Amino acid sequence: MEDVGLADPNALQITISAKQSFEFIGPPEGYLAIIEAVIYLALAPKSNSLYTT
């Protein structure tokens, strides 16, 4: 399993913001924030150095 957080520190903030946006806006428009976060995480650099050190 690869870890996005070590390679991209902004990933956590983007994920939290997407969750908060979804809770504030609600479905169906709120799904767009979740989708954007998923795409961001999928394309973000990965690092498994936590497991290999």
C-alpha atoms as a PDB file:
ATOM      1  CA  MET A   1       0.000   0.000   0.000  1.00  0.00           C
ATOM      2  CA  GLU A   2       1.390   3.343  -0.972  1.00  0.00           C
ATOM      3  CA  ASP A   3       1.080   6.428   1.170  1.00  0.00           C
ATOM      4  CA  VAL A   4       0.154   9.730  -0.410  1.00  0.00           C
ATOM      5  CA  GLY A   5       0.650  11.788   2.749  1.00  0.00           C
ATOM      6  CA  LEU A   6       4.416  11.445   2.871  1.00  0.00           C
ATOM      7  CA  ALA A   7       4.877  12.431  -0.757  1.00  0.00           C
ATOM      8  CA  ASP A   8       2.205  15.154  -0.829  1.00  0.00           C
ATOM      9  CA  PRO A   9       1.502  16.917   2.479  1.00  0.00           C
ATOM     10  CA  ASN A  10      -1.423  18.851   0.926  1.00  0.00           C
ATOM     11  CA  ALA A  11      -3.367  15.641   0.321  1.00  0.00           C
ATOM     12  CA  LEU A  12      -4.767  15.506   3.851  1.00  0.00           C
ATOM     13  CA  GLN A  13      -6.016  19.096   3.707  1.00  0.00           C
ATOM     14  CA  ILE A  14      -7.661  18.503   0.332  1.00  0.00           C
ATOM     15  CA  THR A  15      -9.379  15.387   1.666  1.00  0.00           C
ATOM     16  CA  ILE A  16     -10.638  17.165   4.787  1.00  0.00           C
ATOM     17  CA  SER A  17     -11.871  20.105   2.715  1.00  0.00           C
ATOM     18  CA  ALA A  18     -13.748  17.751   0.396  1.00  0.00           C
ATOM     19  CA  LYS A  19     -15.430  16.074   3.370  1.00  0.00           C
ATOM     20  CA  GLN A  20     -16.433  19.409   4.861  1.00  0.00           C
ATOM     21  CA  SER A  21     -17.722  20.636   1.506  1.00  0.00           C
ATOM     22  CA  PHE A  22     -19.809  17.510   1.087  1.00  0.00           C
ATOM     23  CA  GLU A  23     -21.269  17.889   4.571  1.00  0.00           C
ATOM     24  CA  PHE A  24     -22.094  21.564   3.924  1.00  0.00           C
ATOM     25  CA  ILE A  25     -23.455  21.247   0.368  1.00  0.00           C
ATOM     26  CA  GLY A  26     -24.872  17.726   0.497  1.00  0.00           C
ATOM     27  CA  PRO A  27     -25.658  15.443  -2.404  1.00  0.00           C
ATOM     28  CA  PRO A  28     -25.709  15.540  -5.379  1.00  0.00           C
ATOM     29  CA  GLU A  29     -23.521  18.661  -5.777  1.00  0.00           C
ATOM     30  CA  GLY A  30     -21.347  17.657  -2.829  1.00  0.00           C
ATOM     31  CA  TYR A  31     -20.211  14.587  -4.715  1.00  0.00           C
ATOM     32  CA  LEU A  32     -18.179  16.864  -6.987  1.00  0.00           C
ATOM     33  CA  ALA A  33     -15.901  17.810  -4.085  1.00  0.00           C
ATOM     34  CA  ILE A  34     -15.397  14.133  -3.247  1.00  0.00           C
ATOM     35  CA  ILE A  35     -14.706  13.281  -6.890  1.00  0.00           C
ATOM     36  CA  GLU A  36     -12.118  16.059  -7.155  1.00  0.00           C
ATOM     37  CA  ALA A  37     -10.371  14.778  -4.023  1.00  0.00           C
ATOM     38  CA  VAL A  38     -10.359  11.208  -5.344  1.00  0.00           C
ATOM     39  CA  ILE A  39      -8.832  12.332  -8.638  1.00  0.00           C
ATOM     40  CA  TYR A  40      -6.255  14.427  -6.788  1.00  0.00           C
ATOM     41  CA  LEU A  41      -5.253  11.471  -4.617  1.00  0.00           C
ATOM     42  CA  ALA A  42      -5.118   9.114  -7.593  1.00  0.00           C
ATOM     43  CA  LEU A  43      -2.740  11.420  -9.466  1.00  0.00           C
ATOM     44  CA  ALA A  44      -0.678  12.516  -6.440  1.00  0.00           C
ATOM     45  CA  PRO A  45       2.851  11.228  -5.964  1.00  0.00           C
ATOM     46  CA  LYS A  46       3.062   8.169  -3.727  1.00  0.00           C
ATOM     47  CA  SER A  47       5.672   7.092  -1.194  1.00  0.00           C
ATOM     48  CA  ASN A  48       5.990   3.846   0.724  1.00  0.00           C
ATOM     49  CA  SER A  49       9.089   4.952   2.627  1.00  0.00           C
ATOM     50  CA  LEU A  50       7.223   4.579   5.917  1.00  0.00           C
ATOM     51  CA  TYR A  51       7.108   0.818   5.345  1.00  0.00           C
ATOM     52  CA  THR A  52      10.577   0.383   3.883  1.00  0.00           C
ATOM     53  CA  THR A  53      12.663   2.166   6.526  1.00  0.00           C
END
